[in-house]
Protein backbone atom coordinates (compact mmCIF):
# COMPACT_ATOMS: atom_id res chain seq x y z
CA MET A 1 135.94 51.84 157.27
CA ILE A 2 137.60 48.76 158.80
CA VAL A 3 135.71 46.72 161.40
CA VAL A 4 137.61 44.25 163.60
CA LYS A 5 135.88 41.56 165.63
CA LEU A 6 136.77 41.51 169.34
CA LYS A 7 136.67 38.21 171.23
CA GLY A 8 138.32 36.67 174.26
CA GLY A 9 139.73 38.54 177.24
CA LEU A 10 141.70 41.75 177.51
CA GLY A 11 144.94 40.42 176.00
CA ASN A 12 143.17 38.95 172.97
CA GLN A 13 141.19 42.14 172.44
CA MET A 14 144.44 44.11 172.41
CA PHE A 15 145.95 41.87 169.72
CA GLN A 16 142.82 42.18 167.60
CA TYR A 17 142.56 45.93 168.02
CA ALA A 18 146.26 46.46 167.25
CA THR A 19 146.01 44.42 164.04
CA GLY A 20 142.85 46.23 163.00
CA LEU A 21 144.52 49.56 163.66
CA PHE A 22 147.43 48.64 161.41
CA VAL A 23 145.11 47.56 158.58
CA ALA A 24 143.13 50.80 158.95
CA PHE A 25 146.33 52.87 159.07
CA LYS A 26 147.79 51.13 156.01
CA ASN A 27 144.61 51.77 154.01
CA ASN A 28 143.96 55.26 155.41
CA GLU A 29 140.60 54.13 156.80
CA GLU A 30 138.65 54.68 160.00
CA LEU A 31 138.75 51.80 162.54
CA LYS A 32 135.72 50.52 164.40
CA PHE A 33 135.33 47.29 166.33
CA ASP A 34 132.59 44.74 166.72
CA ALA A 35 131.99 44.10 170.43
CA THR A 36 128.57 42.51 170.04
CA GLY A 37 129.67 39.04 171.20
CA TYR A 38 130.12 40.24 174.77
CA GLU A 39 126.38 40.54 175.17
CA ASP A 40 126.11 36.75 174.92
CA PRO A 41 125.18 35.30 178.38
CA ARG A 42 127.59 32.39 177.77
CA HIS A 43 130.48 34.85 178.06
CA MET A 44 129.06 36.48 181.18
CA ASN A 45 128.36 33.27 183.09
CA SER A 46 131.43 31.19 182.24
CA ASP A 47 134.25 30.37 184.68
CA THR A 48 136.23 33.21 183.08
CA PRO A 49 133.68 35.93 182.24
CA ARG A 50 134.53 37.84 179.07
CA LYS A 51 133.65 41.50 178.68
CA TYR A 52 134.67 44.35 176.44
CA ARG A 53 137.80 45.72 178.16
CA LEU A 54 139.37 48.36 175.90
CA PHE A 55 137.39 51.28 177.33
CA PRO A 56 140.11 52.45 179.81
CA PHE A 57 142.66 53.05 177.04
CA ASN A 58 143.35 56.12 174.90
CA ILE A 59 142.33 54.33 171.72
CA SER A 60 141.36 56.13 168.53
CA GLY A 61 138.98 53.42 167.29
CA SER A 62 135.33 53.30 168.33
CA VAL A 63 132.58 50.73 168.79
CA ALA A 64 130.71 49.89 165.59
CA SER A 65 126.93 50.10 165.66
CA LEU A 66 124.88 46.95 165.15
CA GLU A 67 123.93 48.19 161.68
CA GLU A 68 127.59 48.74 160.78
CA VAL A 69 128.53 45.28 162.03
CA LYS A 70 125.83 43.65 159.91
CA ARG A 71 126.79 45.67 156.84
CA TYR A 72 130.53 44.97 157.01
CA ARG A 73 130.40 41.40 158.34
CA ASN A 74 128.14 40.27 155.52
CA ARG A 75 129.03 42.63 152.69
CA PHE A 76 128.14 40.00 150.08
CA GLY A 77 125.15 38.52 151.87
CA ILE A 78 124.94 34.74 152.06
CA PHE A 79 128.20 34.43 150.10
CA SER A 80 130.07 36.14 152.97
CA LYS A 81 128.59 33.66 155.46
CA ALA A 82 129.48 30.70 153.24
CA LEU A 83 133.03 31.93 152.74
CA ARG A 84 133.49 32.47 156.50
CA TYR A 85 132.17 28.97 157.20
CA PHE A 86 134.50 27.47 154.60
CA ASN A 87 137.58 29.31 155.93
CA GLN A 88 136.93 28.57 159.60
CA ARG A 89 135.30 25.15 159.60
CA ILE A 90 136.90 23.52 156.55
CA LEU A 91 140.28 25.25 156.17
CA LYS A 92 140.59 25.91 159.94
CA LYS A 93 141.87 29.37 159.12
CA TYR A 94 141.54 31.30 162.38
CA TYR A 95 144.48 33.71 161.93
CA THR A 96 145.84 32.64 165.28
CA ASP A 97 149.39 33.81 164.59
CA TYR A 98 150.91 35.85 161.74
CA ASP A 99 150.13 35.24 158.08
CA PRO A 100 151.69 37.70 155.59
CA LYS A 101 149.10 36.67 152.99
CA PHE A 102 146.40 38.17 155.21
CA PHE A 103 147.66 41.69 154.53
CA LYS A 104 147.52 41.26 150.77
CA LYS A 105 143.73 41.04 150.86
CA ASN A 106 141.26 43.91 150.85
CA HIS A 107 139.70 43.44 154.27
CA LYS A 108 136.75 45.39 155.54
CA TYR A 109 135.72 43.04 158.35
CA ILE A 110 138.57 41.35 160.26
CA GLU A 111 138.25 38.29 162.46
CA GLY A 112 141.06 36.32 164.12
CA TYR A 113 143.42 36.23 167.08
CA PHE A 114 146.57 37.73 165.49
CA GLN A 115 148.88 36.83 168.38
CA SER A 116 152.14 38.24 167.05
CA GLU A 117 153.70 41.68 167.00
CA LYS A 118 154.41 41.11 163.32
CA ASN A 119 150.77 41.95 162.66
CA PHE A 120 151.26 45.57 163.73
CA LEU A 121 155.01 46.17 164.22
CA PRO A 122 155.18 49.03 161.63
CA ILE A 123 153.00 51.16 163.95
CA ALA A 124 154.44 49.92 167.27
CA ASN A 125 154.86 53.44 168.66
CA LYS A 126 151.26 54.31 167.82
CA ILE A 127 150.04 51.11 169.51
CA ARG A 128 152.02 51.87 172.67
CA LYS A 129 150.62 55.39 172.76
CA GLU A 130 147.03 54.21 172.38
CA PHE A 131 147.44 51.50 175.02
CA THR A 132 147.93 54.00 177.82
CA LEU A 133 145.32 54.46 180.52
CA LYS A 134 142.97 57.39 180.58
CA LYS A 135 143.51 59.38 183.78
CA GLU A 136 140.04 58.60 185.10
CA PHE A 137 140.86 54.88 185.14
CA GLU A 138 144.00 55.25 187.24
CA SER A 139 142.92 54.63 190.84
CA GLU A 140 144.84 56.11 193.78
CA ASP A 141 146.05 52.64 194.75
CA PHE A 142 147.27 52.07 191.20
CA ILE A 143 149.24 55.32 191.19
CA LEU A 144 150.76 54.55 194.61
CA GLU A 145 151.80 51.06 193.54
CA LYS A 146 153.16 52.31 190.24
CA ASN A 147 155.33 54.86 192.02
CA LYS A 148 156.69 52.20 194.40
CA ILE A 149 157.92 49.89 191.65
CA ASP A 150 161.69 50.02 191.25
CA LYS A 151 162.46 51.45 187.80
CA ILE A 152 165.76 49.57 187.34
CA LYS A 153 165.73 46.25 189.22
CA SER A 154 162.05 45.33 189.04
CA VAL A 155 160.88 42.07 187.44
CA SER A 156 157.19 41.29 187.00
CA ILE A 157 156.15 37.64 187.27
CA HIS A 158 152.76 36.68 185.92
CA ILE A 159 151.36 33.29 186.93
CA ARG A 160 148.17 32.38 185.07
CA ARG A 161 145.94 29.79 186.73
CA GLY A 162 142.14 30.24 186.76
CA ASP A 163 140.67 28.57 183.67
CA TYR A 164 144.10 27.17 182.78
CA VAL A 165 143.65 24.94 185.85
CA ASN A 166 139.89 24.62 186.26
CA ASP A 167 138.58 24.34 182.70
CA LYS A 168 139.40 20.97 181.14
CA ALA A 169 139.38 22.11 177.52
CA THR A 170 141.50 25.19 178.28
CA ASN A 171 143.91 23.12 180.36
CA ASN A 172 144.29 20.57 177.55
CA TYR A 173 145.11 23.30 175.05
CA PHE A 174 147.29 25.67 177.09
CA GLY A 175 148.45 23.61 180.03
CA VAL A 176 149.87 25.29 183.15
CA TYR A 177 153.52 26.14 183.51
CA SER A 178 154.98 24.59 186.63
CA LYS A 179 156.65 26.24 189.59
CA GLU A 180 159.94 24.93 188.17
CA TYR A 181 159.59 27.15 185.08
CA TYR A 182 159.28 30.24 187.27
CA GLU A 183 162.10 29.15 189.58
CA LYS A 184 164.37 28.68 186.56
CA ALA A 185 163.36 32.12 185.25
CA ILE A 186 164.07 33.70 188.65
CA VAL A 187 167.53 32.09 188.73
CA LEU A 188 168.20 33.44 185.24
CA MET A 189 167.10 36.95 186.22
CA ASN A 190 169.34 36.79 189.29
CA ALA A 191 172.24 35.97 186.99
CA LYS A 192 171.51 38.86 184.64
CA ILE A 193 170.42 41.59 187.09
CA GLU A 194 172.12 42.70 190.28
CA SER A 195 169.74 42.36 193.24
CA PRO A 196 166.46 42.10 191.26
CA ILE A 197 163.14 42.82 192.95
CA PHE A 198 160.28 40.52 191.94
CA TYR A 199 156.63 41.58 191.68
CA PHE A 200 154.10 38.74 191.47
CA PHE A 201 150.80 38.99 189.59
CA SER A 202 148.24 36.20 189.42
CA ASP A 203 144.54 35.38 189.31
CA ASP A 204 145.28 32.99 192.20
CA ILE A 205 147.66 35.03 194.34
CA GLU A 206 147.06 33.01 197.50
CA TRP A 207 148.32 29.87 195.76
CA VAL A 208 151.35 31.82 194.56
CA LYS A 209 152.12 33.12 198.07
CA LYS A 210 151.89 29.61 199.46
CA GLU A 211 154.16 28.15 196.78
CA PHE A 212 156.84 30.85 196.68
CA GLY A 213 156.77 32.06 200.29
CA GLU A 214 158.14 35.22 201.81
CA GLN A 215 161.47 36.65 200.69
CA ASN A 216 162.85 40.15 201.04
CA ASN A 217 162.78 40.76 197.30
CA PHE A 218 159.34 39.20 196.68
CA ASN A 219 156.30 41.46 196.41
CA TYR A 220 152.78 40.09 195.87
CA ILE A 221 150.83 42.74 193.97
CA SER A 222 147.51 41.15 193.00
CA ASN A 223 144.99 41.70 195.76
CA GLY A 224 141.55 41.42 194.22
CA GLU A 225 141.19 45.21 194.18
CA PHE A 226 143.20 46.16 191.10
CA LYS A 227 141.36 46.03 187.78
CA ASP A 228 142.78 43.74 185.10
CA TYR A 229 143.96 46.70 183.02
CA GLU A 230 145.66 48.20 186.09
CA GLU A 231 147.57 44.99 186.74
CA LEU A 232 148.61 44.82 183.10
CA MET A 233 149.97 48.37 183.22
CA LEU A 234 151.76 47.70 186.51
CA MET A 235 153.53 44.78 184.82
CA ALA A 236 154.46 47.15 181.99
CA THR A 237 155.92 49.56 184.55
CA CYS A 238 158.45 46.93 185.67
CA ALA A 239 161.91 47.06 184.09
CA ASN A 240 161.89 43.35 183.20
CA ASN A 241 159.28 40.61 182.86
CA ILE A 242 158.70 36.89 183.33
CA ILE A 243 155.52 35.93 181.51
CA ALA A 244 153.13 33.01 181.36
CA ASN A 245 151.80 31.51 178.11
CA SER A 246 149.14 34.19 178.28
CA SER A 247 148.30 37.13 176.02
CA PHE A 248 147.63 39.15 179.18
CA SER A 249 151.20 39.00 180.47
CA TRP A 250 152.51 39.17 176.87
CA TRP A 251 151.10 42.67 176.64
CA GLY A 252 152.47 43.59 180.06
CA ALA A 253 155.95 42.76 178.73
CA TRP A 254 155.48 44.25 175.25
CA LEU A 255 154.28 47.60 176.60
CA ASN A 256 157.32 47.76 178.90
CA GLN A 257 159.33 50.57 177.29
CA ASN A 258 162.66 49.87 179.01
CA PRO A 259 165.08 49.66 176.01
CA ASN A 260 167.26 47.19 177.92
CA LYS A 261 164.47 45.00 179.24
CA ILE A 262 164.88 41.27 179.70
CA VAL A 263 161.73 39.28 179.00
CA ILE A 264 161.61 35.55 179.78
CA ALA A 265 158.86 33.57 178.08
CA PRO A 266 157.86 29.89 177.85
CA LYS A 267 159.43 27.87 175.06
CA LYS A 268 156.04 26.30 174.24
CA TRP A 269 152.95 28.45 174.06
CA VAL A 270 150.36 25.64 173.87
CA ASN A 271 150.14 21.84 174.04
CA ARG A 272 150.15 21.37 170.28
CA GLU A 273 152.64 20.07 167.76
CA PRO A 274 153.43 21.96 165.70
CA ASP A 275 152.74 25.00 167.84
CA PRO A 276 150.30 27.24 165.91
CA HIS A 277 151.79 30.28 167.71
CA PHE A 278 155.13 30.18 165.90
CA ASN A 279 155.52 33.97 165.87
CA VAL A 280 154.03 34.86 169.25
CA ILE A 281 157.34 35.58 171.04
CA PRO A 282 159.46 38.49 169.75
CA ASP A 283 162.97 37.53 168.67
CA ASP A 284 164.71 39.48 171.44
CA TRP A 285 162.85 37.75 174.27
CA VAL A 286 164.41 34.77 176.07
CA ARG A 287 162.55 31.46 175.82
CA ILE A 288 163.07 28.69 178.37
């Protein structure tokens, strides 16, 4: 059995699950995931509440029991705890990006962020199949909106604000991409696609409406009614994507199965030099 630790929001959970699934597949093992951290009140009461969010998807993995988590997280007792402390606190090894050395080890309990497709690219088709919504989680409004999206000229635009604006530590690390970044991306899409239709998604859609205004080819999708996983899948329905420095919109673009898709992504993922997310953007995406 392989147990992968889930932490962060929906996008992060998807990276962690996908990496765990690849490790389990490679070793012909069953995959379970540790979701115990989401019971912590600090996650529930923060500015950006974090909850387990993989339940709407057709995933093959299952939630590990508390006994299984304890057994696999600390297989070697106090030595496991000491090794984890040494790796994370001393070596600062958080597996944020892609590290080929990681896959040479015999992992039973996996913890990290794994924000790169290189961590699971050999089973990309399996990942895309598992990250489809179960029918019972597709609301009528979701289905109606999905059917209205133009299958050829559509471009999703995700603008992440929320904790990127309001939380000082998060803002210092990620920053917020300016209106100018999106305007430049829109100009680029206009140059590459004939008469594109833009679909805006944001956790602060009123700010976005105020900043970008009304245009015939602008559609503001976020309305406070769609679930996060519905918005992500609506972004994936679009033919092309403009993403924020956010794992949430990253997955909206990656799950887009248009073979000719154009994805525009930020050149810098975080406010760090060197950027610890060296492999986060696939080679065929456009960075500006």
